[in-house]
C-alpha atoms as a PDB file:
ATOM      1  CA  MET A   1     -22.915  15.754  18.996  1.00  0.00           C
ATOM      2  CA  THR A   2     -20.547  16.313  15.940  1.00  0.00           C
ATOM      3  CA  VAL A   3     -21.284  13.276  14.008  1.00  0.00           C
ATOM      4  CA  ALA A   4     -22.651  14.657  10.477  1.00  0.00           C
ATOM      5  CA  THR A   5     -24.020  13.158   7.448  1.00  0.00           C
ATOM      6  CA  LEU A   6     -22.731  14.051   3.688  1.00  0.00           C
ATOM      7  CA  SER A   7     -25.946  16.189   3.179  1.00  0.00           C
ATOM      8  CA  ASP A   8     -25.173  18.132   6.524  1.00  0.00           C
ATOM      9  CA  VAL A   9     -22.116  19.385   5.289  1.00  0.00           C
ATOM     10  CA  LEU A  10     -22.535  19.405   1.498  1.00  0.00           C
ATOM     11  CA  SER A  11     -25.589  21.650   1.722  1.00  0.00           C
ATOM     12  CA  LYS A  12     -23.783  24.097   3.752  1.00  0.00           C
ATOM     13  CA  ALA A  13     -20.848  24.367   1.449  1.00  0.00           C
ATOM     14  CA  LYS A  14     -22.908  24.585  -1.802  1.00  0.00           C
ATOM     15  CA  GLU A  15     -24.891  27.205  -0.258  1.00  0.00           C
ATOM     16  CA  ASN A  16     -21.816  29.564   1.047  1.00  0.00           C
ATOM     17  CA  LYS A  17     -19.468  28.511  -1.818  1.00  0.00           C
ATOM     18  CA  TYR A  18     -16.984  26.483  -0.354  1.00  0.00           C
ATOM     19  CA  ALA A  19     -16.048  22.711  -0.513  1.00  0.00           C
ATOM     20  CA  VAL A  20     -15.257  20.001   2.205  1.00  0.00           C
ATOM     21  CA  ALA A  21     -12.303  17.738   1.924  1.00  0.00           C
ATOM     22  CA  GLY A  22     -12.799  13.812   1.787  1.00  0.00           C
ATOM     23  CA  LEU A  23      -9.572  12.516   3.114  1.00  0.00           C
ATOM     24  CA  VAL A  24      -8.887   9.091   2.359  1.00  0.00           C
ATOM     25  CA  VAL A  25      -7.929   6.858   5.496  1.00  0.00           C
ATOM     26  CA  LEU A  26      -5.811   3.980   5.678  1.00  0.00           C
ATOM     27  CA  GLY A  27      -5.546   3.335   9.319  1.00  0.00           C
ATOM     28  CA  TRP A  28      -5.868   4.971  12.636  1.00  0.00           C
ATOM     29  CA  GLU A  29      -2.903   7.013  12.670  1.00  0.00           C
ATOM     30  CA  ASP A  30      -3.828   9.288   9.683  1.00  0.00           C
ATOM     31  CA  ALA A  31      -7.757   9.077  10.582  1.00  0.00           C
ATOM     32  CA  ARG A  32      -6.470  10.697  13.925  1.00  0.00           C
ATOM     33  CA  CYS A  33      -4.253  13.179  12.419  1.00  0.00           C
ATOM     34  CA  TYR A  34      -7.019  14.192   9.974  1.00  0.00           C
ATOM     35  CA  ALA A  35      -9.624  14.765  12.992  1.00  0.00           C
ATOM     36  CA  GLU A  36      -6.976  16.420  15.051  1.00  0.00           C
ATOM     37  CA  THR A  37      -6.345  19.029  12.231  1.00  0.00           C
ATOM     38  CA  ALA A  38     -10.019  19.766  11.440  1.00  0.00           C
ATOM     39  CA  GLU A  39     -10.385  20.426  15.284  1.00  0.00           C
ATOM     40  CA  ASP A  40      -7.214  22.764  15.260  1.00  0.00           C
ATOM     41  CA  LEU A  41      -8.743  24.487  12.221  1.00  0.00           C
ATOM     42  CA  GLY A  42     -12.490  24.892  13.205  1.00  0.00           C
ATOM     43  CA  LEU A  43     -13.509  23.171   9.837  1.00  0.00           C
ATOM     44  CA  PRO A  44     -15.443  20.181   8.672  1.00  0.00           C
ATOM     45  CA  ILE A  45     -14.103  17.023   7.111  1.00  0.00           C
ATOM     46  CA  ILE A  46     -14.994  13.644   5.872  1.00  0.00           C
ATOM     47  CA  LEU A  47     -13.329  10.488   6.685  1.00  0.00           C
ATOM     48  CA  GLN A  48     -13.326   8.108   3.833  1.00  0.00           C
ATOM     49  CA  ALA A  49     -12.712   4.387   3.959  1.00  0.00           C
ATOM     50  CA  GLY A  50     -12.281   3.213   0.489  1.00  0.00           C
ATOM     51  CA  PRO A  51     -11.571  -0.339  -0.464  1.00  0.00           C
ATOM     52  CA  GLY A  52      -7.972  -0.528   0.274  1.00  0.00           C
ATOM     53  CA  CYS A  53      -8.750   0.472   3.541  1.00  0.00           C
ATOM     54  CA  ARG A  54     -11.650  -2.063   3.973  1.00  0.00           C
ATOM     55  CA  ALA A  55      -9.199  -4.792   2.740  1.00  0.00           C
ATOM     56  CA  ASN A  56      -6.911  -4.151   5.515  1.00  0.00           C
ATOM     57  CA  THR A  57      -9.526  -3.288   8.454  1.00  0.00           C
ATOM     58  CA  PRO A  58     -13.199  -4.860   8.709  1.00  0.00           C
ATOM     59  CA  VAL A  59     -15.737  -2.561   8.064  1.00  0.00           C
ATOM     60  CA  PRO A  60     -17.409  -2.526  11.748  1.00  0.00           C
ATOM     61  CA  ILE A  61     -13.914  -1.583  13.183  1.00  0.00           C
ATOM     62  CA  LEU A  62     -13.829   1.117  10.827  1.00  0.00           C
ATOM     63  CA  GLY A  63     -17.342   2.402  11.497  1.00  0.00           C
ATOM     64  CA  LYS A  64     -16.649   2.553  15.314  1.00  0.00           C
ATOM     65  CA  MET A  65     -13.368   4.127  14.647  1.00  0.00           C
ATOM     66  CA  PHE A  66     -14.613   7.093  12.666  1.00  0.00           C
ATOM     67  CA  ARG A  67     -17.601   7.718  15.077  1.00  0.00           C
ATOM     68  CA  TYR A  68     -15.403   7.607  17.961  1.00  0.00           C
ATOM     69  CA  LEU A  69     -13.248  10.287  16.311  1.00  0.00           C
ATOM     70  CA  ALA A  70     -16.376  12.398  15.132  1.00  0.00           C
ATOM     71  CA  GLU A  71     -18.001  12.193  18.533  1.00  0.00           C
ATOM     72  CA  LYS A  72     -14.585  13.556  20.348  1.00  0.00           C
ATOM     73  CA  SER A  73     -14.528  16.320  17.825  1.00  0.00           C
ATOM     74  CA  SER A  74     -16.281  19.797  18.232  1.00  0.00           C
ATOM     75  CA  GLN A  75     -16.235  19.989  14.408  1.00  0.00           C
ATOM     76  CA  PRO A  76     -18.571  18.190  12.117  1.00  0.00           C
ATOM     77  CA  ILE A  77     -16.978  14.851  10.810  1.00  0.00           C
ATOM     78  CA  VAL A  78     -18.814  12.745   8.163  1.00  0.00           C
ATOM     79  CA  CYS A  79     -17.949   8.842   8.410  1.00  0.00           C
ATOM     80  CA  HIS A  80     -17.969   8.073   4.780  1.00  0.00           C
ATOM     81  CA  LEU A  81     -17.750   4.471   3.190  1.00  0.00           C
ATOM     82  CA  ASP A  82     -16.134   5.069  -0.437  1.00  0.00           C
ATOM     83  CA  HIS A  83     -16.492   3.131  -3.411  1.00  0.00           C
ATOM     84  CA  GLY A  84     -19.019   0.498  -2.185  1.00  0.00           C
ATOM     85  CA  TYR A  85     -19.646  -1.730  -5.366  1.00  0.00           C
ATOM     86  CA  SER A  86     -22.640  -3.746  -4.178  1.00  0.00           C
ATOM     87  CA  LYS A  87     -25.703  -2.913  -2.095  1.00  0.00           C
ATOM     88  CA  GLU A  88     -24.341  -5.683   0.422  1.00  0.00           C
ATOM     89  CA  GLU A  89     -21.227  -3.384   0.955  1.00  0.00           C
ATOM     90  CA  CYS A  90     -23.362  -0.434   1.434  1.00  0.00           C
ATOM     91  CA  ILE A  91     -25.736  -1.911   3.960  1.00  0.00           C
ATOM     92  CA  GLU A  92     -22.500  -3.333   5.940  1.00  0.00           C
ATOM     93  CA  GLY A  93     -21.375   0.372   6.251  1.00  0.00           C
ATOM     94  CA  MET A  94     -24.775   1.534   7.056  1.00  0.00           C
ATOM     95  CA  GLU A  95     -25.005  -1.237   9.807  1.00  0.00           C
ATOM     96  CA  SER A  96     -21.396  -0.240  10.951  1.00  0.00           C
ATOM     97  CA  GLY A  97     -21.926   3.362  11.858  1.00  0.00           C
ATOM     98  CA  PHE A  98     -21.122   5.211   8.793  1.00  0.00           C
ATOM     99  CA  THR A  99     -23.160   8.350   8.419  1.00  0.00           C
ATOM    100  CA  SER A 100     -22.544   8.283   4.441  1.00  0.00           C
ATOM    101  CA  VAL A 101     -22.151   5.444   1.690  1.00  0.00           C
ATOM    102  CA  MET A 102     -20.920   5.768  -1.885  1.00  0.00           C
ATOM    103  CA  PHE A 103     -22.398   3.340  -4.315  1.00  0.00           C
ATOM    104  CA  ASP A 104     -20.088   2.837  -7.319  1.00  0.00           C
ATOM    105  CA  GLY A 105     -22.203   1.839 -10.029  1.00  0.00           C
ATOM    106  CA  SER A 106     -20.001   4.048 -12.900  1.00  0.00           C
ATOM    107  CA  LYS A 107     -19.555   0.785 -14.690  1.00  0.00           C
ATOM    108  CA  LEU A 108     -23.147  -0.222 -15.135  1.00  0.00           C
ATOM    109  CA  SER A 109     -25.588   1.114 -17.494  1.00  0.00           C
ATOM    110  CA  LEU A 110     -27.330   4.259 -16.654  1.00  0.00           C
ATOM    111  CA  SER A 111     -30.599   2.559 -16.143  1.00  0.00           C
ATOM    112  CA  GLU A 112     -29.050   0.057 -14.092  1.00  0.00           C
ATOM    113  CA  ASN A 113     -26.933   2.551 -12.111  1.00  0.00           C
ATOM    114  CA  ILE A 114     -29.988   4.550 -11.531  1.00  0.00           C
ATOM    115  CA  GLU A 115     -31.751   1.685 -10.240  1.00  0.00           C
ATOM    116  CA  LYS A 116     -29.280   0.313  -7.614  1.00  0.00           C
ATOM    117  CA  THR A 117     -28.314   3.729  -6.410  1.00  0.00           C
ATOM    118  CA  HIS A 118     -32.058   4.754  -5.799  1.00  0.00           C
ATOM    119  CA  GLU A 119     -32.650   1.434  -3.904  1.00  0.00           C
ATOM    120  CA  ILE A 120     -29.444   1.911  -1.691  1.00  0.00           C
ATOM    121  CA  ALA A 121     -30.693   5.602  -1.079  1.00  0.00           C
ATOM    122  CA  GLU A 122     -34.193   4.391  -0.256  1.00  0.00           C
ATOM    123  CA  LEU A 123     -32.535   2.151   2.582  1.00  0.00           C
ATOM    124  CA  ALA A 124     -30.006   5.027   3.655  1.00  0.00           C
ATOM    125  CA  HIS A 125     -32.620   7.702   4.149  1.00  0.00           C
ATOM    126  CA  LYS A 126     -34.752   5.850   6.314  1.00  0.00           C
ATOM    127  CA  ASN A 127     -31.846   5.935   8.555  1.00  0.00           C
ATOM    128  CA  ASN A 128     -30.672   9.434   8.089  1.00  0.00           C
ATOM    129  CA  ILE A 129     -27.675   8.092   6.219  1.00  0.00           C
ATOM    130  CA  SER A 130     -26.631  10.052   2.841  1.00  0.00           C
ATOM    131  CA  VAL A 131     -25.641   8.304  -0.335  1.00  0.00           C
ATOM    132  CA  GLU A 132     -23.118   9.592  -2.927  1.00  0.00           C
ATOM    133  CA  GLY A 133     -23.536   8.202  -6.411  1.00  0.00           C
ATOM    134  CA  GLU A 134     -21.379   8.456  -9.777  1.00  0.00           C
ATOM    135  CA  ILE A 135     -22.263   8.735 -13.109  1.00  0.00           C
ATOM    136  CA  GLY A 136     -19.102   8.755 -15.492  1.00  0.00           C
ATOM    137  CA  PHE A 137     -15.900   6.810 -14.929  1.00  0.00           C
ATOM    138  CA  VAL A 138     -13.096   8.234 -13.168  1.00  0.00           C
ATOM    139  CA  GLY A 139     -10.120   6.539 -14.379  1.00  0.00           C
ATOM    140  CA  TYR A 140      -6.570   5.503 -12.718  1.00  0.00           C
ATOM    141  CA  ASN A 141      -2.963   6.963 -13.475  1.00  0.00           C
ATOM    142  CA  GLU A 142      -1.394   4.301 -15.583  1.00  0.00           C
ATOM    143  CA  GLY A 143      -4.389   2.317 -15.611  1.00  0.00           C
ATOM    144  CA  ALA A 144      -8.114   2.142 -16.897  1.00  0.00           C
ATOM    145  CA  ALA A 145      -8.860   5.601 -18.812  1.00  0.00           C
ATOM    146  CA  SER A 146     -11.621   7.923 -17.847  1.00  0.00           C
ATOM    147  CA  GLN A 147     -14.997   8.241 -19.461  1.00  0.00           C
ATOM    148  CA  SER A 148     -16.219  11.564 -19.190  1.00  0.00           C
ATOM    149  CA  THR A 149     -19.804  12.484 -17.729  1.00  0.00           C
ATOM    150  CA  ASP A 150     -22.298  13.201 -20.143  1.00  0.00           C
ATOM    151  CA  PRO A 151     -24.240  16.260 -18.889  1.00  0.00           C
ATOM    152  CA  ILE A 152     -27.973  14.826 -20.031  1.00  0.00           C
ATOM    153  CA  GLU A 153     -26.922  11.647 -18.560  1.00  0.00           C
ATOM    154  CA  ALA A 154     -25.998  13.457 -15.158  1.00  0.00           C
ATOM    155  CA  LYS A 155     -29.092  15.246 -15.067  1.00  0.00           C
ATOM    156  CA  GLU A 156     -31.241  12.124 -15.354  1.00  0.00           C
ATOM    157  CA  PHE A 157     -29.120  10.545 -12.651  1.00  0.00           C
ATOM    158  CA  ALA A 158     -29.587  13.277 -10.158  1.00  0.00           C
ATOM    159  CA  ASP A 159     -33.189  13.325 -11.003  1.00  0.00           C
ATOM    160  CA  LYS A 160     -34.006   9.634 -10.693  1.00  0.00           C
ATOM    161  CA  SER A 161     -31.531   8.249  -8.219  1.00  0.00           C
ATOM    162  CA  ASN A 162     -32.270   9.921  -5.171  1.00  0.00           C
ATOM    163  CA  CYS A 163     -28.632  10.338  -4.207  1.00  0.00           C
ATOM    164  CA  ASP A 164     -27.348  13.360  -2.074  1.00  0.00           C
ATOM    165  CA  ALA A 165     -24.236  14.061  -4.058  1.00  0.00           C
ATOM    166  CA  MET A 166     -23.039  12.938  -7.499  1.00  0.00           C
ATOM    167  CA  ALA A 167     -19.632  12.147  -8.377  1.00  0.00           C
ATOM    168  CA  ILE A 168     -18.445  13.110 -11.951  1.00  0.00           C
ATOM    169  CA  SER A 169     -15.789  12.559 -14.460  1.00  0.00           C
ATOM    170  CA  ALA A 170     -14.239  15.658 -15.708  1.00  0.00           C
ATOM    171  CA  GLY A 171     -10.600  15.086 -16.552  1.00  0.00           C
ATOM    172  CA  ASN A 172      -9.957  13.913 -12.746  1.00  0.00           C
ATOM    173  CA  VAL A 173      -7.858  10.902 -12.360  1.00  0.00           C
ATOM    174  CA  HIS A 174      -7.388   8.482  -9.279  1.00  0.00           C
ATOM    175  CA  LEU A 175      -3.813   8.003  -8.055  1.00  0.00           C
ATOM    176  CA  GLN A 176      -2.161  10.843  -9.583  1.00  0.00           C
ATOM    177  CA  THR A 177       1.044  11.893  -8.048  1.00  0.00           C
ATOM    178  CA  ASN A 178       1.636  15.038  -9.756  1.00  0.00           C
ATOM    179  CA  THR A 179      -0.843  17.810 -10.790  1.00  0.00           C
ATOM    180  CA  SER A 180      -1.337  17.102 -14.209  1.00  0.00           C
ATOM    181  CA  SER A 181      -5.082  16.870 -14.460  1.00  0.00           C
ATOM    182  CA  SER A 182      -6.878  18.468 -17.097  1.00  0.00           C
ATOM    183  CA  ILE A 183     -10.190  19.632 -15.737  1.00  0.00           C
ATOM    184  CA  ASP A 184     -13.100  20.168 -18.161  1.00  0.00           C
ATOM    185  CA  THR A 185     -14.441  23.278 -16.387  1.00  0.00           C
ATOM    186  CA  ASP A 186     -17.097  23.623 -19.392  1.00  0.00           C
ATOM    187  CA  ALA A 187     -18.401  20.232 -18.496  1.00  0.00           C
ATOM    188  CA  ILE A 188     -18.796  20.903 -14.866  1.00  0.00           C
ATOM    189  CA  GLU A 189     -20.480  24.198 -15.839  1.00  0.00           C
ATOM    190  CA  LYS A 190     -22.906  22.415 -18.019  1.00  0.00           C
ATOM    191  CA  ILE A 191     -23.710  19.845 -15.665  1.00  0.00           C
ATOM    192  CA  GLN A 192     -24.562  22.241 -12.969  1.00  0.00           C
ATOM    193  CA  SER A 193     -26.868  24.110 -15.388  1.00  0.00           C
ATOM    194  CA  LEU A 194     -29.107  21.142 -15.606  1.00  0.00           C
ATOM    195  CA  THR A 195     -28.944  19.982 -12.038  1.00  0.00           C
ATOM    196  CA  SER A 196     -28.452  21.583  -8.872  1.00  0.00           C
ATOM    197  CA  ILE A 197     -26.890  18.372  -6.784  1.00  0.00           C
ATOM    198  CA  PRO A 198     -23.549  18.889  -5.097  1.00  0.00           C
ATOM    199  CA  LEU A 199     -20.805  17.554  -7.154  1.00  0.00           C
ATOM    200  CA  VAL A 200     -17.911  15.670  -6.254  1.00  0.00           C
ATOM    201  CA  LEU A 201     -14.435  15.273  -7.737  1.00  0.00           C
ATOM    202  CA  HIS A 202     -12.484  12.018  -7.085  1.00  0.00           C
ATOM    203  CA  GLY A 203      -8.691  11.910  -7.821  1.00  0.00           C
ATOM    204  CA  SER A 204      -8.174  15.616  -6.698  1.00  0.00           C
ATOM    205  CA  SER A 205      -4.751  15.020  -5.836  1.00  0.00           C
ATOM    206  CA  GLY A 206      -4.046  15.760  -9.496  1.00  0.00           C
ATOM    207  CA  ILE A 207      -5.907  19.021  -9.205  1.00  0.00           C
ATOM    208  CA  ASP A 208      -3.703  21.810  -8.092  1.00  0.00           C
ATOM    209  CA  HIS A 209      -4.388  23.761  -5.163  1.00  0.00           C
ATOM    210  CA  THR A 210      -5.462  26.898  -7.158  1.00  0.00           C
ATOM    211  CA  LEU A 211      -7.918  25.425  -9.446  1.00  0.00           C
ATOM    212  CA  ARG A 212      -9.219  23.300  -6.395  1.00  0.00           C
ATOM    213  CA  ARG A 213     -10.140  26.579  -4.814  1.00  0.00           C
ATOM    214  CA  LYS A 214     -11.540  28.348  -7.734  1.00  0.00           C
ATOM    215  CA  LEU A 215     -13.774  25.463  -8.433  1.00  0.00           C
ATOM    216  CA  ALA A 216     -14.733  25.386  -4.653  1.00  0.00           C
ATOM    217  CA  SER A 217     -15.727  28.866  -4.836  1.00  0.00           C
ATOM    218  CA  THR A 218     -17.269  29.154  -8.337  1.00  0.00           C
ATOM    219  CA  THR A 219     -19.009  25.864  -8.952  1.00  0.00           C
ATOM    220  CA  ASN A 220     -21.249  23.161  -7.389  1.00  0.00           C
ATOM    221  CA  VAL A 221     -18.239  21.016  -6.548  1.00  0.00           C
ATOM    222  CA  CYS A 222     -18.680  20.744  -2.991  1.00  0.00           C
ATOM    223  CA  LYS A 223     -16.297  17.600  -2.207  1.00  0.00           C
ATOM    224  CA  PHE A 224     -12.703  17.103  -3.075  1.00  0.00           C
ATOM    225  CA  ASN A 225     -11.625  13.361  -2.492  1.00  0.00           C
ATOM    226  CA  ILE A 226      -7.743  13.727  -1.375  1.00  0.00           C
ATOM    227  CA  GLY A 227      -5.765  10.419  -1.308  1.00  0.00           C
ATOM    228  CA  THR A 228      -2.771  10.090  -3.040  1.00  0.00           C
ATOM    229  CA  GLU A 229      -1.321  13.389  -1.871  1.00  0.00           C
ATOM    230  CA  LEU A 230      -1.574  12.429   1.617  1.00  0.00           C
ATOM    231  CA  ARG A 231      -0.354   8.806   1.306  1.00  0.00           C
ATOM    232  CA  LYS A 232       2.699  10.079  -0.600  1.00  0.00           C
ATOM    233  CA  THR A 233       3.428  12.513   2.158  1.00  0.00           C
ATOM    234  CA  PHE A 234       3.072   9.862   4.845  1.00  0.00           C
ATOM    235  CA  GLY A 235       5.170   7.305   3.094  1.00  0.00           C
ATOM    236  CA  ASP A 236       7.997   9.690   1.826  1.00  0.00           C
ATOM    237  CA  ASN A 237       8.392  10.813   5.386  1.00  0.00           C
ATOM    238  CA  LEU A 238       8.018   7.818   7.116  1.00  0.00           C
ATOM    239  CA  ARG A 239      10.840   6.278   4.844  1.00  0.00           C
ATOM    240  CA  LYS A 240      13.090   9.509   5.431  1.00  0.00           C
ATOM    241  CA  LYS A 241      12.770   9.190   9.213  1.00  0.00           C
ATOM    242  CA  MET A 242      13.324   5.674   9.163  1.00  0.00           C
ATOM    243  CA  ASP A 243      16.687   6.187   7.581  1.00  0.00           C
ATOM    244  CA  GLN A 244      17.186   9.024  10.279  1.00  0.00           C
ATOM    245  CA  ASN A 245      16.426   6.812  13.226  1.00  0.00           C
ATOM    246  CA  PRO A 246      18.023   3.264  12.600  1.00  0.00           C
ATOM    247  CA  ASN A 247      17.876   2.444  16.266  1.00  0.00           C
ATOM    248  CA  ILE A 248      14.073   2.692  16.490  1.00  0.00           C
ATOM    249  CA  TYR A 249      12.148  -0.683  16.048  1.00  0.00           C
ATOM    250  CA  ASP A 250       8.992  -0.255  17.881  1.00  0.00           C
ATOM    251  CA  ARG A 251       6.396  -0.092  15.148  1.00  0.00           C
ATOM    252  CA  ILE A 252       4.312   2.342  17.265  1.00  0.00           C
ATOM    253  CA  GLN A 253       7.018   5.020  17.366  1.00  0.00           C
ATOM    254  CA  LEU A 254       7.963   4.452  13.648  1.00  0.00           C
ATOM    255  CA  ILE A 255       4.490   4.964  12.249  1.00  0.00           C
ATOM    256  CA  ASN A 256       4.184   8.085  14.261  1.00  0.00           C
ATOM    257  CA  LEU A 257       7.308   9.692  12.866  1.00  0.00           C
ATOM    258  CA  PRO A 258       5.545  11.498   9.789  1.00  0.00           C
ATOM    259  CA  LEU A 259       2.428  12.604  11.488  1.00  0.00           C
ATOM    260  CA  GLN A 260       3.585  16.057  11.935  1.00  0.00           C
ATOM    261  CA  GLU A 261       4.343  16.580   8.240  1.00  0.00           C
ATOM    262  CA  LEU A 262       1.260  14.751   7.267  1.00  0.00           C
ATOM    263  CA  LYS A 263      -0.718  17.321   9.639  1.00  0.00           C
ATOM    264  CA  THR A 264       1.109  20.300   7.755  1.00  0.00           C
ATOM    265  CA  VAL A 265      -0.012  18.952   4.392  1.00  0.00           C
ATOM    266  CA  THR A 266      -3.608  18.133   5.642  1.00  0.00           C
ATOM    267  CA  LYS A 267      -3.877  21.647   7.051  1.00  0.00           C
ATOM    268  CA  THR A 268      -3.378  23.024   3.617  1.00  0.00           C
ATOM    269  CA  VAL A 269      -5.670  20.781   1.683  1.00  0.00           C
ATOM    270  CA  ILE A 270      -8.584  21.496   4.051  1.00  0.00           C
ATOM    271  CA  GLU A 271      -7.808  25.402   4.439  1.00  0.00           C
ATOM    272  CA  ASN A 272      -7.571  25.762   0.485  1.00  0.00           C
ATOM    273  CA  ILE A 273     -11.002  24.630  -0.326  1.00  0.00           C
ATOM    274  CA  THR A 274     -13.025  25.255   2.964  1.00  0.00           C
ATOM    275  CA  LYS A 275     -11.940  28.420   4.611  1.00  0.00           C
ATOM    276  CA  PHE A 276     -12.593  31.550   2.486  1.00  0.00           C
END
């Protein structure tokens, strides 16, 4: 059985100084591509269903899809519900086969974030499901600005929330299409000096590969969320290949056209932070 929890893969990553890729899924084609790439490499991955994915496909369907891919793989695959904004969303994920859920209470007060994350963690841990929490707000490219994580608050959150991994804001930004993030490594080092919990960086498409690798091998950042980089690869190549194949009209043929390019980029993403 290769269905894994977030704790399973991140505890090993932290101990052995590497990180695991949290790959943002939009549908069957990219999820299958990510699982096949992990199998080819012999490395673990985290399949992630965020709000955009869940708006298009019901959570129970995604849970079954992720579990199917994980059970067929010889490599550990985490089935992760990303950015659950309520207890109800997280419970639906737990009941639908996800082995890990993220409760995003980053817009709440510290005390309320701790209280709600702890409540969800208690429910999850009874069922051997991991919980990722978030402290500090990770902003969006051309959108809401980030609010950096305060190290003292991060320690309190890690100590009291009972979560298994903690997403932080240290210059990382969601939806960046270029590698222009300025990561505050001093802030990361301060946070990890106060708590030993595995750390997560959302918006890692904006972090260049060299820095990702350095952070993976020298800090407690054990999970990098990668979405925009992969979506852009898929979309750019789909557009190009559709132009090159004007006589193909079957949607299944069309949507499979960019998968080889997606697999190549996915391989680089995974290997860069996991294989040392």
